[in-house]
PDB file of N, CA and C in Angstrom:
ATOM      1  N   MET A   1       0.759  -1.347  -0.071  1.00  0.00           N
ATOM      2  CA  MET A   1      -0.086   0.078   0.179  1.00  0.00           C
ATOM      3  C   MET A   1       0.854   1.035   0.083  1.00  0.00           C
ATOM      4  N   LEU A   2       0.440   2.185  -0.571  1.00  0.00           N
ATOM      5  CA  LEU A   2       1.151   3.554  -0.970  1.00  0.00           C
ATOM      6  C   LEU A   2       0.361   4.553  -0.322  1.00  0.00           C
ATOM      7  N   ILE A   3       0.808   5.326   0.453  1.00  0.00           N
ATOM      8  CA  ILE A   3       0.144   6.701   1.093  1.00  0.00           C
ATOM      9  C   ILE A   3       0.611   7.966   0.217  1.00  0.00           C
ATOM     10  N   ARG A   4       0.045   8.758  -0.113  1.00  0.00           N
ATOM     11  CA  ARG A   4       0.503   9.861  -0.763  1.00  0.00           C
ATOM     12  C   ARG A   4      -0.288  11.009  -0.917  1.00  0.00           C
ATOM     13  N   LYS A   5       0.096  12.386  -1.194  1.00  0.00           N
ATOM     14  CA  LYS A   5      -0.967  13.282  -1.335  1.00  0.00           C
ATOM     15  C   LYS A   5      -1.785  13.064  -2.593  1.00  0.00           C
ATOM     16  N   SER A   6      -2.950  13.760  -2.529  1.00  0.00           N
ATOM     17  CA  SER A   6      -3.743  13.376  -3.542  1.00  0.00           C
ATOM     18  C   SER A   6      -3.451  14.452  -4.603  1.00  0.00           C
ATOM     19  N   THR A   7      -3.871  14.041  -5.920  1.00  0.00           N
ATOM     20  CA  THR A   7      -3.983  15.005  -6.994  1.00  0.00           C
ATOM     21  C   THR A   7      -5.418  15.076  -7.752  1.00  0.00           C
ATOM     22  N   PHE A   8      -5.755  15.930  -8.460  1.00  0.00           N
ATOM     23  CA  PHE A   8      -6.953  16.229  -9.141  1.00  0.00           C
ATOM     24  C   PHE A   8      -7.176  14.814 -10.186  1.00  0.00           C
ATOM     25  N   GLU A   9      -6.191  14.150 -10.484  1.00  0.00           N
ATOM     26  CA  GLU A   9      -6.252  12.744 -11.196  1.00  0.00           C
ATOM     27  C   GLU A   9      -6.855  11.741 -10.137  1.00  0.00           C
ATOM     28  N   ASP A  10      -7.004  12.115  -8.888  1.00  0.00           N
ATOM     29  CA  ASP A  10      -7.627  11.054  -8.069  1.00  0.00           C
ATOM     30  C   ASP A  10      -9.226  11.152  -7.898  1.00  0.00           C
ATOM     31  N   ASN A  11      -9.843  12.155  -8.431  1.00  0.00           N
ATOM     32  CA  ASN A  11     -11.027  12.565  -8.457  1.00  0.00           C
ATOM     33  C   ASN A  11     -12.060  11.520  -8.719  1.00  0.00           C
ATOM     34  N   GLU A  12     -12.008  10.590  -9.632  1.00  0.00           N
ATOM     35  CA  GLU A  12     -13.101   9.614 -10.037  1.00  0.00           C
ATOM     36  C   GLU A  12     -12.629   8.597  -9.228  1.00  0.00           C
ATOM     37  N   GLY A  13     -11.528   8.059  -8.525  1.00  0.00           N
ATOM     38  CA  GLY A  13     -11.392   6.894  -7.590  1.00  0.00           C
ATOM     39  C   GLY A  13     -11.902   7.428  -6.245  1.00  0.00           C
ATOM     40  N   LEU A  14     -11.474   8.661  -5.722  1.00  0.00           N
ATOM     41  CA  LEU A  14     -12.234   9.231  -4.666  1.00  0.00           C
ATOM     42  C   LEU A  14     -13.820   9.133  -4.751  1.00  0.00           C
ATOM     43  N   LEU A  15     -14.619   9.513  -5.730  1.00  0.00           N
ATOM     44  CA  LEU A  15     -15.880   9.602  -6.133  1.00  0.00           C
ATOM     45  C   LEU A  15     -16.380   8.090  -5.953  1.00  0.00           C
ATOM     46  N   SER A  16     -15.775   7.128  -6.295  1.00  0.00           N
ATOM     47  CA  SER A  16     -16.037   5.623  -6.186  1.00  0.00           C
ATOM     48  C   SER A  16     -15.770   5.210  -4.994  1.00  0.00           C
ATOM     49  N   LEU A  17     -14.885   5.780  -4.236  1.00  0.00           N
ATOM     50  CA  LEU A  17     -14.623   5.256  -2.769  1.00  0.00           C
ATOM     51  C   LEU A  17     -15.991   5.514  -1.812  1.00  0.00           C
ATOM     52  N   THR A  18     -16.091   7.208  -2.342  1.00  0.00           N
ATOM     53  CA  THR A  18     -17.198   7.817  -0.955  1.00  0.00           C
ATOM     54  C   THR A  18     -18.500   6.943  -1.727  1.00  0.00           C
ATOM     55  N   LYS A  19     -18.702   6.541  -2.718  1.00  0.00           N
ATOM     56  CA  LYS A  19     -20.035   5.668  -3.041  1.00  0.00           C
ATOM     57  C   LYS A  19     -20.067   4.248  -2.351  1.00  0.00           C
ATOM     58  N   ALA A  20     -18.674   3.840  -2.104  1.00  0.00           N
ATOM     59  CA  ALA A  20     -18.849   2.529  -1.872  1.00  0.00           C
ATOM     60  C   ALA A  20     -18.975   2.341  -0.194  1.00  0.00           C
ATOM     61  N   CYS A  21     -18.468   3.595   0.702  1.00  0.00           N
ATOM     62  CA  CYS A  21     -18.483   3.526   1.815  1.00  0.00           C
ATOM     63  C   CYS A  21     -19.024   4.817   2.309  1.00  0.00           C
ATOM     64  N   PRO A  22     -20.612   4.505   2.482  1.00  0.00           N
ATOM     65  CA  PRO A  22     -21.358   5.331   3.250  1.00  0.00           C
ATOM     66  C   PRO A  22     -20.952   5.309   4.887  1.00  0.00           C
ATOM     67  N   MET A  23     -21.402   6.332   5.787  1.00  0.00           N
ATOM     68  CA  MET A  23     -21.195   6.189   6.814  1.00  0.00           C
ATOM     69  C   MET A  23     -22.218   5.205   7.336  1.00  0.00           C
ATOM     70  N   ASP A  24     -21.674   4.417   8.378  1.00  0.00           N
ATOM     71  CA  ASP A  24     -22.857   3.384   9.048  1.00  0.00           C
ATOM     72  C   ASP A  24     -23.410   4.093  10.126  1.00  0.00           C
ATOM     73  N   GLY A  25     -24.531   3.533  10.538  1.00  0.00           N
ATOM     74  CA  GLY A  25     -25.429   3.770  11.322  1.00  0.00           C
ATOM     75  C   GLY A  25     -26.965   3.520  11.102  1.00  0.00           C
ATOM     76  N   LYS A  26     -27.788   3.796  11.878  1.00  0.00           N
ATOM     77  CA  LYS A  26     -29.144   3.637  11.566  1.00  0.00           C
ATOM     78  C   LYS A  26     -29.560   4.008  10.218  1.00  0.00           C
ATOM     79  N   ILE A  27     -29.061   5.186   9.927  1.00  0.00           N
ATOM     80  CA  ILE A  27     -29.291   5.767   8.649  1.00  0.00           C
ATOM     81  C   ILE A  27     -27.979   6.051   8.114  1.00  0.00           C
ATOM     82  N   ARG A  28     -27.983   5.365   6.964  1.00  0.00           N
ATOM     83  CA  ARG A  28     -26.455   5.561   6.022  1.00  0.00           C
ATOM     84  C   ARG A  28     -26.430   6.795   5.565  1.00  0.00           C
ATOM     85  N   LEU A  29     -25.489   7.548   5.750  1.00  0.00           N
ATOM     86  CA  LEU A  29     -25.315   8.861   5.141  1.00  0.00           C
ATOM     87  C   LEU A  29     -23.990   9.035   4.248  1.00  0.00           C
ATOM     88  N   ARG A  30     -24.314   9.496   2.993  1.00  0.00           N
ATOM     89  CA  ARG A  30     -23.190   9.580   1.956  1.00  0.00           C
ATOM     90  C   ARG A  30     -23.538  11.077   1.594  1.00  0.00           C
ATOM     91  N   ILE A  31     -22.306  12.046   1.304  1.00  0.00           N
ATOM     92  CA  ILE A  31     -22.366  13.269   0.661  1.00  0.00           C
ATOM     93  C   ILE A  31     -21.856  13.251  -0.613  1.00  0.00           C
ATOM     94  N   ASP A  32     -22.795  13.540  -1.519  1.00  0.00           N
ATOM     95  CA  ASP A  32     -22.578  13.178  -2.963  1.00  0.00           C
ATOM     96  C   ASP A  32     -21.513  14.170  -3.495  1.00  0.00           C
ATOM     97  N   ARG A  33     -20.519  14.063  -3.731  1.00  0.00           N
ATOM     98  CA  ARG A  33     -19.267  15.036  -4.188  1.00  0.00           C
ATOM     99  C   ARG A  33     -19.245  15.298  -5.635  1.00  0.00           C
ATOM    100  N   ASN A  34     -19.923  14.559  -6.401  1.00  0.00           N
ATOM    101  CA  ASN A  34     -20.185  14.448  -7.894  1.00  0.00           C
ATOM    102  C   ASN A  34     -20.103  15.908  -8.630  1.00  0.00           C
ATOM    103  N   PRO A  35     -19.818  16.558  -9.261  1.00  0.00           N
ATOM    104  CA  PRO A  35     -18.484  16.006 -10.225  1.00  0.00           C
ATOM    105  C   PRO A  35     -16.912  16.171  -9.646  1.00  0.00           C
ATOM    106  N   ASN A  36     -16.876  17.015  -8.647  1.00  0.00           N
ATOM    107  CA  ASN A  36     -15.783  17.025  -8.110  1.00  0.00           C
ATOM    108  C   ASN A  36     -15.632  16.982  -6.815  1.00  0.00           C
ATOM    109  N   TYR A  37     -14.416  15.921  -6.357  1.00  0.00           N
ATOM    110  CA  TYR A  37     -14.565  15.586  -4.871  1.00  0.00           C
ATOM    111  C   TYR A  37     -13.896  16.683  -3.866  1.00  0.00           C
ATOM    112  N   PHE A  38     -13.154  17.612  -4.726  1.00  0.00           N
ATOM    113  CA  PHE A  38     -12.405  18.482  -4.190  1.00  0.00           C
ATOM    114  C   PHE A  38     -12.945  19.852  -3.603  1.00  0.00           C
ATOM    115  N   SER A  39     -14.218  20.077  -4.462  1.00  0.00           N
ATOM    116  CA  SER A  39     -15.142  21.365  -4.180  1.00  0.00           C
ATOM    117  C   SER A  39     -15.270  21.651  -2.688  1.00  0.00           C
ATOM    118  N   LEU A  40     -15.894  20.487  -1.976  1.00  0.00           N
ATOM    119  CA  LEU A  40     -16.032  20.761  -0.595  1.00  0.00           C
ATOM    120  C   LEU A  40     -15.120  21.009   0.050  1.00  0.00           C
ATOM    121  N   LEU A  41     -13.717  20.465  -0.075  1.00  0.00           N
ATOM    122  CA  LEU A  41     -12.862  20.782   0.738  1.00  0.00           C
ATOM    123  C   LEU A  41     -12.450  22.247   0.573  1.00  0.00           C
ATOM    124  N   LYS A  42     -12.318  22.524  -0.523  1.00  0.00           N
ATOM    125  CA  LYS A  42     -11.940  24.084  -0.873  1.00  0.00           C
ATOM    126  C   LYS A  42     -12.805  25.249  -0.084  1.00  0.00           C
ATOM    127  N   LEU A  43     -14.359  24.949   0.051  1.00  0.00           N
ATOM    128  CA  LEU A  43     -14.997  25.466   0.575  1.00  0.00           C
ATOM    129  C   LEU A  43     -14.648  25.535   2.133  1.00  0.00           C
ATOM    130  N   LYS A  44     -13.896  24.827   2.750  1.00  0.00           N
ATOM    131  CA  LYS A  44     -13.508  24.886   3.897  1.00  0.00           C
ATOM    132  C   LYS A  44     -12.202  25.761   4.098  1.00  0.00           C
ATOM    133  N   GLY A  45     -11.526  25.707   3.299  1.00  0.00           N
ATOM    134  CA  GLY A  45     -10.180  26.624   3.151  1.00  0.00           C
ATOM    135  C   GLY A  45      -9.076  25.624   2.706  1.00  0.00           C
ATOM    136  N   ASP A  46      -7.868  26.301   3.417  1.00  0.00           N
ATOM    137  CA  ASP A  46      -6.747  25.190   3.015  1.00  0.00           C
ATOM    138  C   ASP A  46      -6.606  23.799   3.491  1.00  0.00           C
ATOM    139  N   TYR A  47      -6.492  22.907   2.613  1.00  0.00           N
ATOM    140  CA  TYR A  47      -6.757  21.404   2.907  1.00  0.00           C
ATOM    141  C   TYR A  47      -5.534  20.639   2.348  1.00  0.00           C
ATOM    142  N   THR A  48      -5.503  19.415   3.140  1.00  0.00           N
ATOM    143  CA  THR A  48      -4.584  18.270   2.606  1.00  0.00           C
ATOM    144  C   THR A  48      -5.279  17.035   2.500  1.00  0.00           C
ATOM    145  N   LEU A  49      -5.106  16.428   1.687  1.00  0.00           N
ATOM    146  CA  LEU A  49      -5.806  15.306   1.323  1.00  0.00           C
ATOM    147  C   LEU A  49      -4.768  14.056   0.891  1.00  0.00           C
ATOM    148  N   PHE A  50      -4.759  13.068   1.797  1.00  0.00           N
ATOM    149  CA  PHE A  50      -3.840  12.142   1.311  1.00  0.00           C
ATOM    150  C   PHE A  50      -4.812  10.738   0.956  1.00  0.00           C
ATOM    151  N   VAL A  51      -4.176  10.041   0.276  1.00  0.00           N
ATOM    152  CA  VAL A  51      -4.924   8.670  -0.264  1.00  0.00           C
ATOM    153  C   VAL A  51      -3.983   7.452  -0.003  1.00  0.00           C
ATOM    154  N   ALA A  52      -4.777   6.432   0.347  1.00  0.00           N
ATOM    155  CA  ALA A  52      -3.998   5.128   0.246  1.00  0.00           C
ATOM    156  C   ALA A  52      -4.496   4.429  -0.941  1.00  0.00           C
ATOM    157  N   VAL A  53      -3.504   4.139  -1.546  1.00  0.00           N
ATOM    158  CA  VAL A  53      -3.399   3.309  -2.919  1.00  0.00           C
ATOM    159  C   VAL A  53      -2.901   1.883  -2.674  1.00  0.00           C
ATOM    160  N   GLU A  54      -3.792   0.691  -3.591  1.00  0.00           N
ATOM    161  CA  GLU A  54      -3.187  -0.293  -3.672  1.00  0.00           C
ATOM    162  C   GLU A  54      -3.659  -0.867  -4.953  1.00  0.00           C
ATOM    163  N   ASN A  55      -2.796  -1.598  -5.643  1.00  0.00           N
ATOM    164  CA  ASN A  55      -3.219  -2.117  -6.939  1.00  0.00           C
ATOM    165  C   ASN A  55      -3.753  -1.056  -7.742  1.00  0.00           C
ATOM    166  N   ASN A  56      -3.089   0.222  -7.851  1.00  0.00           N
ATOM    167  CA  ASN A  56      -3.706   1.347  -8.608  1.00  0.00           C
ATOM    168  C   ASN A  56      -5.178   1.671  -8.306  1.00  0.00           C
ATOM    169  N   GLN A  57      -5.492   1.332  -7.068  1.00  0.00           N
ATOM    170  CA  GLN A  57      -6.811   1.767  -6.785  1.00  0.00           C
ATOM    171  C   GLN A  57      -6.961   2.450  -5.299  1.00  0.00           C
ATOM    172  N   ILE A  58      -7.716   3.308  -4.982  1.00  0.00           N
ATOM    173  CA  ILE A  58      -7.942   4.200  -4.032  1.00  0.00           C
ATOM    174  C   ILE A  58      -8.662   3.218  -3.183  1.00  0.00           C
ATOM    175  N   ILE A  59      -8.017   3.027  -1.772  1.00  0.00           N
ATOM    176  CA  ILE A  59      -8.795   2.332  -1.023  1.00  0.00           C
ATOM    177  C   ILE A  59      -8.776   2.992   0.652  1.00  0.00           C
ATOM    178  N   GLY A  60      -8.312   4.293   0.268  1.00  0.00           N
ATOM    179  CA  GLY A  60      -8.778   4.919   1.646  1.00  0.00           C
ATOM    180  C   GLY A  60      -8.208   6.496   1.511  1.00  0.00           C
ATOM    181  N   ALA A  61      -8.568   7.395   2.236  1.00  0.00           N
ATOM    182  CA  ALA A  61      -8.439   8.765   2.290  1.00  0.00           C
ATOM    183  C   ALA A  61      -8.731   9.383   3.657  1.00  0.00           C
ATOM    184  N   VAL A  62      -7.840  10.431   3.762  1.00  0.00           N
ATOM    185  CA  VAL A  62      -8.125  11.303   4.812  1.00  0.00           C
ATOM    186  C   VAL A  62      -7.639  12.687   4.612  1.00  0.00           C
ATOM    187  N   ALA A  63      -8.531  13.684   4.950  1.00  0.00           N
ATOM    188  CA  ALA A  63      -8.219  15.106   4.830  1.00  0.00           C
ATOM    189  C   ALA A  63      -8.438  15.827   5.942  1.00  0.00           C
ATOM    190  N   PHE A  64      -7.530  17.080   5.948  1.00  0.00           N
ATOM    191  CA  PHE A  64      -7.673  17.885   7.188  1.00  0.00           C
ATOM    192  C   PHE A  64      -7.445  19.326   6.411  1.00  0.00           C
ATOM    193  N   THR A  65      -8.248  20.080   7.285  1.00  0.00           N
ATOM    194  CA  THR A  65      -8.211  21.757   6.865  1.00  0.00           C
ATOM    195  C   THR A  65      -7.670  22.491   7.936  1.00  0.00           C
ATOM    196  N   GLU A  66      -7.116  23.518   7.666  1.00  0.00           N
ATOM    197  CA  GLU A  66      -6.356  24.265   8.450  1.00  0.00           C
ATOM    198  C   GLU A  66      -7.059  25.785   8.680  1.00  0.00           C
ATOM    199  N   LYS A  67      -7.683  25.972   9.916  1.00  0.00           N
ATOM    200  CA  LYS A  67      -8.258  27.326  10.150  1.00  0.00           C
ATOM    201  C   LYS A  67      -7.158  28.101  10.636  1.00  0.00           C
ATOM    202  N   LYS A  68      -7.361  29.574  10.119  1.00  0.00           N
ATOM    203  CA  LYS A  68      -6.415  30.613  10.261  1.00  0.00           C
ATOM    204  C   LYS A  68      -7.061  31.499  11.152  1.00  0.00           C
TER     205      LYS A  68
END
């Protein structure tokens, strides 16, 4: 597994991951970020997004934003 900073080329893989992994609970929740996964992050300010990649497929992601 490789962990690296994401690029816009990861958009489709991130959208697929989001669709495949809704938040668990009594009501399953998924935020539809189509067509641009990065738009919501940009609204929150400066962000960093890392992706975990295995066999050329994104299998995980973590993001954080910095508030100034």
